[in-house]
């Protein structure tokens, strides 16, 4: 099966590697986003997908706008591929492109469709407190993740999973599911299933304001925001901006506190009825970190990052900043 691969971030790499290592597939070329300049040194940095493609001596095309790039469109047509595979490419494909491959244009999407169509399905499913997510392979059409579904693989979400953790797991699942999907599609063993548009939800691009923490929210809401938009959520402390990169909710209704933190619930029975205002440090646990009052329940700060510094454990933050009970965290910005 002759394949053209469209993809850009690290999330797409495991799928490309699965295709490259499978004897029944031949990757003809790779289409990825243009290289970007990074802050340090302002050097052009290739996308993760380009790095893999270059290592395998594959043709790599990086149009600014693929559907408007005549040269790329001509090359794609000339390849006469069986399938186009799209994994987090980052551009919308035109109907002209979608109609080029002989068999299909297939997308590997990081959610259980029709939930979380759009650019950031992993982040928003965590933000909303989902307990399960997955990968969907689908036939592409001109809509935003609206094509008929081919196969679905699911995975549970742990309470402490971050967007990074979940992306790594789903990327591996996606590679395996795509291989299975392509083989079954070639053998005509899959019946595409139309999506229920009435059940659709959306996962738009994340905006800067989504990172700001509001301590009047419940502990579980704050925790889901922190892990969903990892590692960028912000609060203020002593008039400085502070990133909170890992947390754990304690005592909120419906929490699934992992075993390694269960003992805190028994160790701190007096804190469950605290009347402190949201944002106040109500306890400091030696060797662990600070516990903060929220609008409902308590939030343990497991990891933070001061401006210009590397991330540090909650306990290192307590020691380095000499935190005291009663100090207050402000809202992020």
C-alpha atoms as a PDB file:
ATOM      1  CA  UNK A   1       0.000   0.000   0.000  1.00  0.00           C
ATOM      2  CA  UNK A   2       1.485   3.320  -1.101  1.00  0.00           C
ATOM      3  CA  UNK A   3       1.022   6.100   1.460  1.00  0.00           C
ATOM      4  CA  UNK A   4       1.612   9.839   1.777  1.00  0.00           C
ATOM      5  CA  UNK A   5       1.872  10.923   5.413  1.00  0.00           C
ATOM      6  CA  UNK A   6       0.663  14.320   6.666  1.00  0.00           C
ATOM      7  CA  UNK A   7       1.706  15.174  10.235  1.00  0.00           C
ATOM      8  CA  UNK A   8       3.660  17.632  12.340  1.00  0.00           C
ATOM      9  CA  UNK A   9       4.129  17.186  16.146  1.00  0.00           C
ATOM     10  CA  UNK A  10       5.571  14.424  18.286  1.00  0.00           C
ATOM     11  CA  UNK A  11       2.064  12.951  18.588  1.00  0.00           C
ATOM     12  CA  UNK A  12       2.265  11.911  14.920  1.00  0.00           C
ATOM     13  CA  UNK A  13       5.706  10.299  15.123  1.00  0.00           C
ATOM     14  CA  UNK A  14       4.727   6.825  16.459  1.00  0.00           C
ATOM     15  CA  UNK A  15       2.202   6.417  13.647  1.00  0.00           C
ATOM     16  CA  UNK A  16       4.758   7.354  10.983  1.00  0.00           C
ATOM     17  CA  UNK A  17       7.277   4.953  12.520  1.00  0.00           C
ATOM     18  CA  UNK A  18       4.719   2.121  12.492  1.00  0.00           C
ATOM     19  CA  UNK A  19       4.122   2.695   8.785  1.00  0.00           C
ATOM     20  CA  UNK A  20       7.846   2.854   8.006  1.00  0.00           C
ATOM     21  CA  UNK A  21       8.514  -0.419   9.826  1.00  0.00           C
ATOM     22  CA  UNK A  22       5.614  -2.396   8.355  1.00  0.00           C
ATOM     23  CA  UNK A  23       6.375  -4.619   5.337  1.00  0.00           C
ATOM     24  CA  UNK A  24       3.003  -4.025   3.659  1.00  0.00           C
ATOM     25  CA  UNK A  25       3.292  -0.229   3.547  1.00  0.00           C
ATOM     26  CA  UNK A  26       5.472   2.111   1.517  1.00  0.00           C
ATOM     27  CA  UNK A  27       5.633   5.744   2.618  1.00  0.00           C
ATOM     28  CA  UNK A  28       6.213   7.760  -0.560  1.00  0.00           C
ATOM     29  CA  UNK A  29       6.534  11.233   0.947  1.00  0.00           C
ATOM     30  CA  UNK A  30       5.791  13.326   4.024  1.00  0.00           C
ATOM     31  CA  UNK A  31       3.947  16.643   4.229  1.00  0.00           C
ATOM     32  CA  UNK A  32       4.519  18.669   7.393  1.00  0.00           C
ATOM     33  CA  UNK A  33       4.327  22.249   8.641  1.00  0.00           C
ATOM     34  CA  UNK A  34       7.175  24.680   7.881  1.00  0.00           C
ATOM     35  CA  UNK A  35      10.127  24.786  10.268  1.00  0.00           C
ATOM     36  CA  UNK A  36       9.754  27.291  13.111  1.00  0.00           C
ATOM     37  CA  UNK A  37      12.240  29.497  14.905  1.00  0.00           C
ATOM     38  CA  UNK A  38      12.681  28.651  18.566  1.00  0.00           C
ATOM     39  CA  UNK A  39      13.384  31.198  21.277  1.00  0.00           C
ATOM     40  CA  UNK A  40      16.871  29.992  22.173  1.00  0.00           C
ATOM     41  CA  UNK A  41      19.234  31.038  19.417  1.00  0.00           C
ATOM     42  CA  UNK A  42      16.329  31.814  17.083  1.00  0.00           C
ATOM     43  CA  UNK A  43      17.334  28.817  14.964  1.00  0.00           C
ATOM     44  CA  UNK A  44      14.971  27.123  12.562  1.00  0.00           C
ATOM     45  CA  UNK A  45      13.860  23.825  14.098  1.00  0.00           C
ATOM     46  CA  UNK A  46      12.376  20.998  12.036  1.00  0.00           C
ATOM     47  CA  UNK A  47       9.087  19.471  13.087  1.00  0.00           C
ATOM     48  CA  UNK A  48       9.349  16.092  14.870  1.00  0.00           C
ATOM     49  CA  UNK A  49       7.771  14.411  11.839  1.00  0.00           C
ATOM     50  CA  UNK A  50      10.296  16.024   9.468  1.00  0.00           C
ATOM     51  CA  UNK A  51      13.160  14.780  11.635  1.00  0.00           C
ATOM     52  CA  UNK A  52      11.958  11.179  11.300  1.00  0.00           C
ATOM     53  CA  UNK A  53      11.249  11.521   7.575  1.00  0.00           C
ATOM     54  CA  UNK A  54      14.688  13.010   6.904  1.00  0.00           C
ATOM     55  CA  UNK A  55      16.366  10.182   8.831  1.00  0.00           C
ATOM     56  CA  UNK A  56      14.619   7.748   6.467  1.00  0.00           C
ATOM     57  CA  UNK A  57      15.560   9.754   3.358  1.00  0.00           C
ATOM     58  CA  UNK A  58      11.948  10.478   2.467  1.00  0.00           C
ATOM     59  CA  UNK A  59      10.858  13.450   0.360  1.00  0.00           C
ATOM     60  CA  UNK A  60       9.547  16.164   2.714  1.00  0.00           C
ATOM     61  CA  UNK A  61       7.266  18.999   1.609  1.00  0.00           C
ATOM     62  CA  UNK A  62       6.480  21.957   3.861  1.00  0.00           C
ATOM     63  CA  UNK A  63       4.024  24.311   2.162  1.00  0.00           C
ATOM     64  CA  UNK A  64       2.757  27.344   4.068  1.00  0.00           C
ATOM     65  CA  UNK A  65      -0.759  26.540   2.823  1.00  0.00           C
ATOM     66  CA  UNK A  66      -0.967  23.134   1.240  1.00  0.00           C
ATOM     67  CA  UNK A  67      -4.309  23.629  -0.492  1.00  0.00           C
ATOM     68  CA  UNK A  68      -2.976  26.770  -2.227  1.00  0.00           C
ATOM     69  CA  UNK A  69       0.489  25.440  -3.103  1.00  0.00           C
ATOM     70  CA  UNK A  70       0.402  24.477  -6.782  1.00  0.00           C
ATOM     71  CA  UNK A  71       3.781  22.749  -6.737  1.00  0.00           C
ATOM     72  CA  UNK A  72       2.868  20.514  -3.782  1.00  0.00           C
ATOM     73  CA  UNK A  73      -0.552  19.719  -5.263  1.00  0.00           C
ATOM     74  CA  UNK A  74       1.092  18.641  -8.513  1.00  0.00           C
ATOM     75  CA  UNK A  75       3.569  16.398  -6.672  1.00  0.00           C
ATOM     76  CA  UNK A  76       0.819  14.817  -4.575  1.00  0.00           C
ATOM     77  CA  UNK A  77      -1.186  14.023  -7.685  1.00  0.00           C
ATOM     78  CA  UNK A  78       1.812  12.545  -9.492  1.00  0.00           C
ATOM     79  CA  UNK A  79       2.556  10.117  -6.637  1.00  0.00           C
ATOM     80  CA  UNK A  80      -0.685   8.241  -7.387  1.00  0.00           C
ATOM     81  CA  UNK A  81      -0.874   7.046  -3.748  1.00  0.00           C
ATOM     82  CA  UNK A  82      -3.355   4.534  -2.397  1.00  0.00           C
ATOM     83  CA  UNK A  83      -3.905   6.363   0.897  1.00  0.00           C
ATOM     84  CA  UNK A  84      -3.204   9.723   2.512  1.00  0.00           C
ATOM     85  CA  UNK A  85      -2.740   9.385   6.282  1.00  0.00           C
ATOM     86  CA  UNK A  86      -3.237  12.537   8.381  1.00  0.00           C
ATOM     87  CA  UNK A  87      -2.149  12.784  12.033  1.00  0.00           C
ATOM     88  CA  UNK A  88      -2.199  16.223  13.696  1.00  0.00           C
ATOM     89  CA  UNK A  89      -0.991  17.910  10.508  1.00  0.00           C
ATOM     90  CA  UNK A  90      -2.281  21.362  11.453  1.00  0.00           C
ATOM     91  CA  UNK A  91      -3.845  22.454   8.161  1.00  0.00           C
ATOM     92  CA  UNK A  92      -7.253  21.792   6.623  1.00  0.00           C
ATOM     93  CA  UNK A  93      -7.141  19.744   3.424  1.00  0.00           C
ATOM     94  CA  UNK A  94      -9.241  20.753   0.431  1.00  0.00           C
ATOM     95  CA  UNK A  95     -11.657  18.431  -1.335  1.00  0.00           C
ATOM     96  CA  UNK A  96      -9.185  18.353  -4.228  1.00  0.00           C
ATOM     97  CA  UNK A  97      -6.544  16.808  -1.955  1.00  0.00           C
ATOM     98  CA  UNK A  98      -8.998  14.485  -0.237  1.00  0.00           C
ATOM     99  CA  UNK A  99     -10.010  13.023  -3.602  1.00  0.00           C
ATOM    100  CA  UNK A 100      -6.458  12.271  -4.781  1.00  0.00           C
ATOM    101  CA  UNK A 101      -5.699   8.874  -3.161  1.00  0.00           C
ATOM    102  CA  UNK A 102      -7.144   5.722  -4.717  1.00  0.00           C
ATOM    103  CA  UNK A 103      -8.584   4.242  -1.507  1.00  0.00           C
ATOM    104  CA  UNK A 104      -9.107   6.965   1.074  1.00  0.00           C
ATOM    105  CA  UNK A 105      -7.777   9.850   3.084  1.00  0.00           C
ATOM    106  CA  UNK A 106      -7.653   8.663   6.718  1.00  0.00           C
ATOM    107  CA  UNK A 107      -7.281  10.709   9.875  1.00  0.00           C
ATOM    108  CA  UNK A 108      -6.037   9.497  13.264  1.00  0.00           C
ATOM    109  CA  UNK A 109      -7.867  11.653  15.831  1.00  0.00           C
ATOM    110  CA  UNK A 110      -7.139  11.855  19.568  1.00  0.00           C
ATOM    111  CA  UNK A 111     -10.646  11.382  20.955  1.00  0.00           C
ATOM    112  CA  UNK A 112     -13.658   9.110  20.851  1.00  0.00           C
ATOM    113  CA  UNK A 113     -15.614  10.834  18.115  1.00  0.00           C
ATOM    114  CA  UNK A 114     -17.957  12.612  17.791  1.00  0.00           C
ATOM    115  CA  UNK A 115     -16.754  14.083  21.114  1.00  0.00           C
ATOM    116  CA  UNK A 116     -13.918  16.599  21.008  1.00  0.00           C
ATOM    117  CA  UNK A 117     -13.695  17.416  17.343  1.00  0.00           C
ATOM    118  CA  UNK A 118     -11.047  20.031  16.697  1.00  0.00           C
ATOM    119  CA  UNK A 119      -7.493  21.056  17.463  1.00  0.00           C
ATOM    120  CA  UNK A 120      -7.020  20.133  21.134  1.00  0.00           C
ATOM    121  CA  UNK A 121      -9.044  17.012  22.024  1.00  0.00           C
ATOM    122  CA  UNK A 122      -6.612  15.666  24.619  1.00  0.00           C
ATOM    123  CA  UNK A 123      -6.396  18.925  26.557  1.00  0.00           C
ATOM    124  CA  UNK A 124     -10.127  19.580  26.657  1.00  0.00           C
ATOM    125  CA  UNK A 125     -11.108  16.033  27.631  1.00  0.00           C
ATOM    126  CA  UNK A 126      -8.852  16.373  30.692  1.00  0.00           C
ATOM    127  CA  UNK A 127     -10.159  19.853  31.447  1.00  0.00           C
ATOM    128  CA  UNK A 128     -13.691  18.455  31.451  1.00  0.00           C
ATOM    129  CA  UNK A 129     -12.780  15.607  33.784  1.00  0.00           C
ATOM    130  CA  UNK A 130     -13.376  12.710  31.397  1.00  0.00           C
ATOM    131  CA  UNK A 131     -12.487   9.298  32.810  1.00  0.00           C
ATOM    132  CA  UNK A 132     -11.957   7.655  29.417  1.00  0.00           C
ATOM    133  CA  UNK A 133     -10.757   8.744  25.994  1.00  0.00           C
ATOM    134  CA  UNK A 134      -9.268   7.109  22.941  1.00  0.00           C
ATOM    135  CA  UNK A 135      -8.293   7.208  19.285  1.00  0.00           C
ATOM    136  CA  UNK A 136     -10.646   7.222  16.317  1.00  0.00           C
ATOM    137  CA  UNK A 137      -9.602   6.451  12.758  1.00  0.00           C
ATOM    138  CA  UNK A 138     -11.946   7.987  10.231  1.00  0.00           C
ATOM    139  CA  UNK A 139     -12.480   8.754   6.576  1.00  0.00           C
ATOM    140  CA  UNK A 140     -11.822  12.441   6.010  1.00  0.00           C
ATOM    141  CA  UNK A 141     -14.262  14.867   4.444  1.00  0.00           C
ATOM    142  CA  UNK A 142     -14.217  18.661   4.119  1.00  0.00           C
ATOM    143  CA  UNK A 143     -15.682  19.161   7.627  1.00  0.00           C
ATOM    144  CA  UNK A 144     -13.786  19.515  10.904  1.00  0.00           C
ATOM    145  CA  UNK A 145     -13.391  15.881  12.062  1.00  0.00           C
ATOM    146  CA  UNK A 146     -16.845  15.009  10.729  1.00  0.00           C
ATOM    147  CA  UNK A 147     -15.994  12.001   8.544  1.00  0.00           C
ATOM    148  CA  UNK A 148     -17.330   8.477   8.942  1.00  0.00           C
ATOM    149  CA  UNK A 149     -15.594   6.490  11.686  1.00  0.00           C
ATOM    150  CA  UNK A 150     -13.583   3.372  10.904  1.00  0.00           C
ATOM    151  CA  UNK A 151     -12.249   2.065  14.234  1.00  0.00           C
ATOM    152  CA  UNK A 152     -12.020   3.199  17.859  1.00  0.00           C
ATOM    153  CA  UNK A 153      -9.592   2.217  20.641  1.00  0.00           C
ATOM    154  CA  UNK A 154     -10.143   3.440  24.206  1.00  0.00           C
ATOM    155  CA  UNK A 155      -7.979   4.014  27.273  1.00  0.00           C
ATOM    156  CA  UNK A 156      -8.836   5.017  30.877  1.00  0.00           C
ATOM    157  CA  UNK A 157      -7.658   8.354  32.263  1.00  0.00           C
ATOM    158  CA  UNK A 158      -5.939   8.348  35.650  1.00  0.00           C
ATOM    159  CA  UNK A 159      -6.507  11.181  38.101  1.00  0.00           C
ATOM    160  CA  UNK A 160      -2.899  12.356  37.836  1.00  0.00           C
ATOM    161  CA  UNK A 161      -2.532  11.963  34.061  1.00  0.00           C
ATOM    162  CA  UNK A 162      -1.438  15.166  32.330  1.00  0.00           C
ATOM    163  CA  UNK A 163      -1.975  16.126  28.694  1.00  0.00           C
ATOM    164  CA  UNK A 164       1.609  15.063  28.029  1.00  0.00           C
ATOM    165  CA  UNK A 165       1.090  11.643  29.640  1.00  0.00           C
ATOM    166  CA  UNK A 166      -2.131  11.057  27.752  1.00  0.00           C
ATOM    167  CA  UNK A 167      -0.706  12.245  24.425  1.00  0.00           C
ATOM    168  CA  UNK A 168       2.168   9.774  24.669  1.00  0.00           C
ATOM    169  CA  UNK A 169      -0.196   6.911  25.414  1.00  0.00           C
ATOM    170  CA  UNK A 170      -2.670   7.853  22.699  1.00  0.00           C
ATOM    171  CA  UNK A 171       0.099   8.340  20.134  1.00  0.00           C
ATOM    172  CA  UNK A 172       1.207   4.731  20.638  1.00  0.00           C
ATOM    173  CA  UNK A 173      -2.387   3.502  20.461  1.00  0.00           C
ATOM    174  CA  UNK A 174      -2.944   5.537  17.304  1.00  0.00           C
ATOM    175  CA  UNK A 175      -0.061   3.928  15.466  1.00  0.00           C
ATOM    176  CA  UNK A 176      -1.307   0.425  16.175  1.00  0.00           C
ATOM    177  CA  UNK A 177      -4.916   1.311  15.363  1.00  0.00           C
ATOM    178  CA  UNK A 178      -3.999   2.881  12.032  1.00  0.00           C
ATOM    179  CA  UNK A 179      -2.076  -0.200  10.914  1.00  0.00           C
ATOM    180  CA  UNK A 180      -5.061  -2.377  11.818  1.00  0.00           C
ATOM    181  CA  UNK A 181      -7.417   0.023  10.060  1.00  0.00           C
ATOM    182  CA  UNK A 182      -5.403   0.112   6.830  1.00  0.00           C
ATOM    183  CA  UNK A 183      -5.096  -3.660   6.630  1.00  0.00           C
ATOM    184  CA  UNK A 184      -8.812  -4.162   7.248  1.00  0.00           C
ATOM    185  CA  UNK A 185      -9.725  -1.417   4.802  1.00  0.00           C
ATOM    186  CA  UNK A 186      -7.661  -3.049   2.069  1.00  0.00           C
ATOM    187  CA  UNK A 187      -9.431  -6.350   2.743  1.00  0.00           C
ATOM    188  CA  UNK A 188     -12.813  -4.573   2.798  1.00  0.00           C
ATOM    189  CA  UNK A 189     -13.411  -5.718   6.378  1.00  0.00           C
ATOM    190  CA  UNK A 190     -14.537  -2.317   7.720  1.00  0.00           C
ATOM    191  CA  UNK A 191     -17.934  -0.708   7.392  1.00  0.00           C
ATOM    192  CA  UNK A 192     -17.622   3.066   7.965  1.00  0.00           C
ATOM    193  CA  UNK A 193     -20.025   4.414  10.597  1.00  0.00           C
ATOM    194  CA  UNK A 194     -21.412   7.960  10.202  1.00  0.00           C
ATOM    195  CA  UNK A 195     -20.960  10.230  13.198  1.00  0.00           C
ATOM    196  CA  UNK A 196     -23.920  11.455  15.218  1.00  0.00           C
ATOM    197  CA  UNK A 197     -23.606  15.195  14.726  1.00  0.00           C
ATOM    198  CA  UNK A 198     -26.100  15.871  17.530  1.00  0.00           C
ATOM    199  CA  UNK A 199     -23.676  14.269  19.999  1.00  0.00           C
ATOM    200  CA  UNK A 200     -20.660  16.245  18.792  1.00  0.00           C
ATOM    201  CA  UNK A 201     -18.566  18.406  21.108  1.00  0.00           C
ATOM    202  CA  UNK A 202     -15.653  20.640  20.183  1.00  0.00           C
ATOM    203  CA  UNK A 203     -12.063  21.126  21.318  1.00  0.00           C
ATOM    204  CA  UNK A 204     -10.915  24.520  20.033  1.00  0.00           C
ATOM    205  CA  UNK A 205      -7.411  25.928  20.050  1.00  0.00           C
ATOM    206  CA  UNK A 206      -6.284  26.840  23.567  1.00  0.00           C
ATOM    207  CA  UNK A 207      -6.078  30.570  24.302  1.00  0.00           C
ATOM    208  CA  UNK A 208      -3.851  32.366  26.800  1.00  0.00           C
ATOM    209  CA  UNK A 209      -6.813  33.108  29.078  1.00  0.00           C
ATOM    210  CA  UNK A 210      -7.437  29.367  29.454  1.00  0.00           C
ATOM    211  CA  UNK A 211      -4.234  29.130  31.513  1.00  0.00           C
ATOM    212  CA  UNK A 212      -5.298  31.526  34.287  1.00  0.00           C
ATOM    213  CA  UNK A 213      -6.225  29.774  37.556  1.00  0.00           C
ATOM    214  CA  UNK A 214      -9.188  31.023  39.583  1.00  0.00           C
ATOM    215  CA  UNK A 215      -9.026  29.732  43.161  1.00  0.00           C
ATOM    216  CA  UNK A 216     -12.782  30.112  43.657  1.00  0.00           C
ATOM    217  CA  UNK A 217     -13.211  27.053  41.422  1.00  0.00           C
ATOM    218  CA  UNK A 218     -13.305  23.618  43.066  1.00  0.00           C
ATOM    219  CA  UNK A 219     -10.129  21.626  43.659  1.00  0.00           C
ATOM    220  CA  UNK A 220     -11.062  19.082  41.002  1.00  0.00           C
ATOM    221  CA  UNK A 221     -11.793  21.814  38.443  1.00  0.00           C
ATOM    222  CA  UNK A 222      -8.444  23.479  39.097  1.00  0.00           C
ATOM    223  CA  UNK A 223      -6.633  20.159  38.979  1.00  0.00           C
ATOM    224  CA  UNK A 224      -8.249  19.266  35.642  1.00  0.00           C
ATOM    225  CA  UNK A 225      -7.274  22.663  34.267  1.00  0.00           C
ATOM    226  CA  UNK A 226      -3.662  22.280  35.437  1.00  0.00           C
ATOM    227  CA  UNK A 227      -3.198  18.806  33.962  1.00  0.00           C
ATOM    228  CA  UNK A 228      -5.260  19.514  30.839  1.00  0.00           C
ATOM    229  CA  UNK A 229      -3.311  22.638  29.885  1.00  0.00           C
ATOM    230  CA  UNK A 230       0.010  21.317  31.208  1.00  0.00           C
ATOM    231  CA  UNK A 231       2.517  22.874  31.693  1.00  0.00           C
ATOM    232  CA  UNK A 232       1.168  26.408  31.268  1.00  0.00           C
ATOM    233  CA  UNK A 233      -1.405  27.196  33.993  1.00  0.00           C
ATOM    234  CA  UNK A 234      -0.601  30.267  36.059  1.00  0.00           C
ATOM    235  CA  UNK A 235      -1.307  31.822  39.435  1.00  0.00           C
ATOM    236  CA  UNK A 236       0.278  34.796  41.179  1.00  0.00           C
ATOM    237  CA  UNK A 237       2.305  34.591  44.381  1.00  0.00           C
ATOM    238  CA  UNK A 238       4.021  37.475  46.153  1.00  0.00           C
ATOM    239  CA  UNK A 239       3.198  39.645  43.137  1.00  0.00           C
ATOM    240  CA  UNK A 240       4.988  37.307  40.734  1.00  0.00           C
ATOM    241  CA  UNK A 241       3.623  34.966  38.117  1.00  0.00           C
ATOM    242  CA  UNK A 242       3.915  31.277  39.019  1.00  0.00           C
ATOM    243  CA  UNK A 243       3.200  28.229  36.876  1.00  0.00           C
ATOM    244  CA  UNK A 244       1.559  25.304  38.633  1.00  0.00           C
ATOM    245  CA  UNK A 245       2.463  22.208  36.663  1.00  0.00           C
ATOM    246  CA  UNK A 246       1.246  19.335  38.856  1.00  0.00           C
ATOM    247  CA  UNK A 247      -1.395  19.079  41.559  1.00  0.00           C
ATOM    248  CA  UNK A 248      -3.723  16.662  43.332  1.00  0.00           C
ATOM    249  CA  UNK A 249      -7.255  17.385  44.587  1.00  0.00           C
ATOM    250  CA  UNK A 250      -7.974  16.391  48.187  1.00  0.00           C
ATOM    251  CA  UNK A 251     -11.437  16.068  49.668  1.00  0.00           C
ATOM    252  CA  UNK A 252     -13.472  17.248  46.694  1.00  0.00           C
ATOM    253  CA  UNK A 253     -16.693  15.428  45.887  1.00  0.00           C
ATOM    254  CA  UNK A 254     -16.077  12.638  43.395  1.00  0.00           C
ATOM    255  CA  UNK A 255     -12.273  12.588  43.647  1.00  0.00           C
ATOM    256  CA  UNK A 256     -10.429   9.398  42.753  1.00  0.00           C
ATOM    257  CA  UNK A 257      -7.421  10.016  44.978  1.00  0.00           C
ATOM    258  CA  UNK A 258      -4.606   7.596  44.053  1.00  0.00           C
ATOM    259  CA  UNK A 259      -3.193   5.259  46.734  1.00  0.00           C
ATOM    260  CA  UNK A 260       0.023   7.251  47.170  1.00  0.00           C
ATOM    261  CA  UNK A 261      -2.036  10.234  48.344  1.00  0.00           C
ATOM    262  CA  UNK A 262      -4.767   8.434  50.309  1.00  0.00           C
ATOM    263  CA  UNK A 263      -2.871   8.788  53.563  1.00  0.00           C
ATOM    264  CA  UNK A 264      -3.136  12.572  53.308  1.00  0.00           C
ATOM    265  CA  UNK A 265      -6.903  12.339  53.650  1.00  0.00           C
ATOM    266  CA  UNK A 266      -6.502  10.473  56.929  1.00  0.00           C
ATOM    267  CA  UNK A 267      -3.648  12.634  58.103  1.00  0.00           C
ATOM    268  CA  UNK A 268      -5.532  15.890  57.628  1.00  0.00           C
ATOM    269  CA  UNK A 269      -9.084  15.356  58.953  1.00  0.00           C
ATOM    270  CA  UNK A 270      -9.187  18.803  60.535  1.00  0.00           C
ATOM    271  CA  UNK A 271      -8.641  20.518  57.192  1.00  0.00           C
ATOM    272  CA  UNK A 272     -11.875  19.287  55.640  1.00  0.00           C
ATOM    273  CA  UNK A 273     -13.888  21.927  57.493  1.00  0.00           C
ATOM    274  CA  UNK A 274     -11.550  24.860  56.996  1.00  0.00           C
ATOM    275  CA  UNK A 275     -13.201  28.235  56.475  1.00  0.00           C
ATOM    276  CA  UNK A 276     -10.230  29.928  54.841  1.00  0.00           C
ATOM    277  CA  UNK A 277     -10.789  31.890  51.672  1.00  0.00           C
ATOM    278  CA  UNK A 278      -9.847  30.376  48.297  1.00  0.00           C
ATOM    279  CA  UNK A 279      -6.145  30.675  47.514  1.00  0.00           C
ATOM    280  CA  UNK A 280      -4.954  30.490  51.131  1.00  0.00           C
ATOM    281  CA  UNK A 281      -2.256  27.985  52.129  1.00  0.00           C
ATOM    282  CA  UNK A 282      -3.951  25.954  54.869  1.00  0.00           C
ATOM    283  CA  UNK A 283      -1.211  23.402  55.532  1.00  0.00           C
ATOM    284  CA  UNK A 284       2.353  22.491  54.626  1.00  0.00           C
ATOM    285  CA  UNK A 285       3.160  18.782  54.599  1.00  0.00           C
ATOM    286  CA  UNK A 286       6.810  17.990  55.219  1.00  0.00           C
ATOM    287  CA  UNK A 287       8.459  16.343  52.258  1.00  0.00           C
ATOM    288  CA  UNK A 288       5.428  16.916  50.032  1.00  0.00           C
ATOM    289  CA  UNK A 289       4.320  20.530  49.649  1.00  0.00           C
ATOM    290  CA  UNK A 290       1.652  23.144  50.302  1.00  0.00           C
ATOM    291  CA  UNK A 291      -2.076  22.522  50.456  1.00  0.00           C
ATOM    292  CA  UNK A 292      -4.311  25.344  49.226  1.00  0.00           C
ATOM    293  CA  UNK A 293      -7.959  26.079  49.957  1.00  0.00           C
ATOM    294  CA  UNK A 294     -10.153  26.320  46.866  1.00  0.00           C
ATOM    295  CA  UNK A 295     -13.797  27.167  46.326  1.00  0.00           C
ATOM    296  CA  UNK A 296     -14.575  23.534  47.177  1.00  0.00           C
ATOM    297  CA  UNK A 297     -11.980  21.150  48.569  1.00  0.00           C
ATOM    298  CA  UNK A 298      -8.222  21.337  48.932  1.00  0.00           C
ATOM    299  CA  UNK A 299      -5.489  21.293  46.299  1.00  0.00           C
ATOM    300  CA  UNK A 300      -2.002  19.894  46.866  1.00  0.00           C
ATOM    301  CA  UNK A 301       0.689  21.643  44.827  1.00  0.00           C
ATOM    302  CA  UNK A 302       2.938  18.823  43.614  1.00  0.00           C
ATOM    303  CA  UNK A 303       5.109  20.815  41.190  1.00  0.00           C
ATOM    304  CA  UNK A 304       5.521  24.496  40.326  1.00  0.00           C
ATOM    305  CA  UNK A 305       7.748  26.661  38.145  1.00  0.00           C
ATOM    306  CA  UNK A 306       8.931  30.124  39.104  1.00  0.00           C
ATOM    307  CA  UNK A 307       9.507  32.640  36.306  1.00  0.00           C
ATOM    308  CA  UNK A 308      12.869  31.983  34.648  1.00  0.00           C
ATOM    309  CA  UNK A 309      13.456  28.804  36.659  1.00  0.00           C
ATOM    310  CA  UNK A 310      13.122  25.073  36.065  1.00  0.00           C
ATOM    311  CA  UNK A 311      10.101  23.188  37.439  1.00  0.00           C
ATOM    312  CA  UNK A 312      10.549  22.130  41.064  1.00  0.00           C
ATOM    313  CA  UNK A 313       8.735  19.820  43.449  1.00  0.00           C
ATOM    314  CA  UNK A 314       6.132  21.216  45.796  1.00  0.00           C
ATOM    315  CA  UNK A 315       8.435  20.601  48.755  1.00  0.00           C
ATOM    316  CA  UNK A 316      11.413  22.334  47.125  1.00  0.00           C
ATOM    317  CA  UNK A 317       9.127  25.289  46.461  1.00  0.00           C
ATOM    318  CA  UNK A 318       8.117  25.378  50.140  1.00  0.00           C
ATOM    319  CA  UNK A 319      11.747  25.367  51.255  1.00  0.00           C
ATOM    320  CA  UNK A 320      13.156  27.676  48.616  1.00  0.00           C
ATOM    321  CA  UNK A 321      10.448  30.323  49.029  1.00  0.00           C
ATOM    322  CA  UNK A 322       9.984  29.744  52.769  1.00  0.00           C
ATOM    323  CA  UNK A 323       6.231  29.395  52.441  1.00  0.00           C
ATOM    324  CA  UNK A 324       4.074  29.822  55.518  1.00  0.00           C
ATOM    325  CA  UNK A 325       0.510  28.831  56.339  1.00  0.00           C
ATOM    326  CA  UNK A 326      -1.826  31.742  55.712  1.00  0.00           C
ATOM    327  CA  UNK A 327      -0.070  33.094  52.638  1.00  0.00           C
ATOM    328  CA  UNK A 328      -2.291  33.617  49.614  1.00  0.00           C
ATOM    329  CA  UNK A 329      -2.100  32.696  45.949  1.00  0.00           C
ATOM    330  CA  UNK A 330      -3.783  35.071  43.523  1.00  0.00           C
ATOM    331  CA  UNK A 331      -5.460  34.418  40.191  1.00  0.00           C
ATOM    332  CA  UNK A 332      -3.361  33.822  37.115  1.00  0.00           C
ATOM    333  CA  UNK A 333      -3.178  36.016  34.059  1.00  0.00           C
END
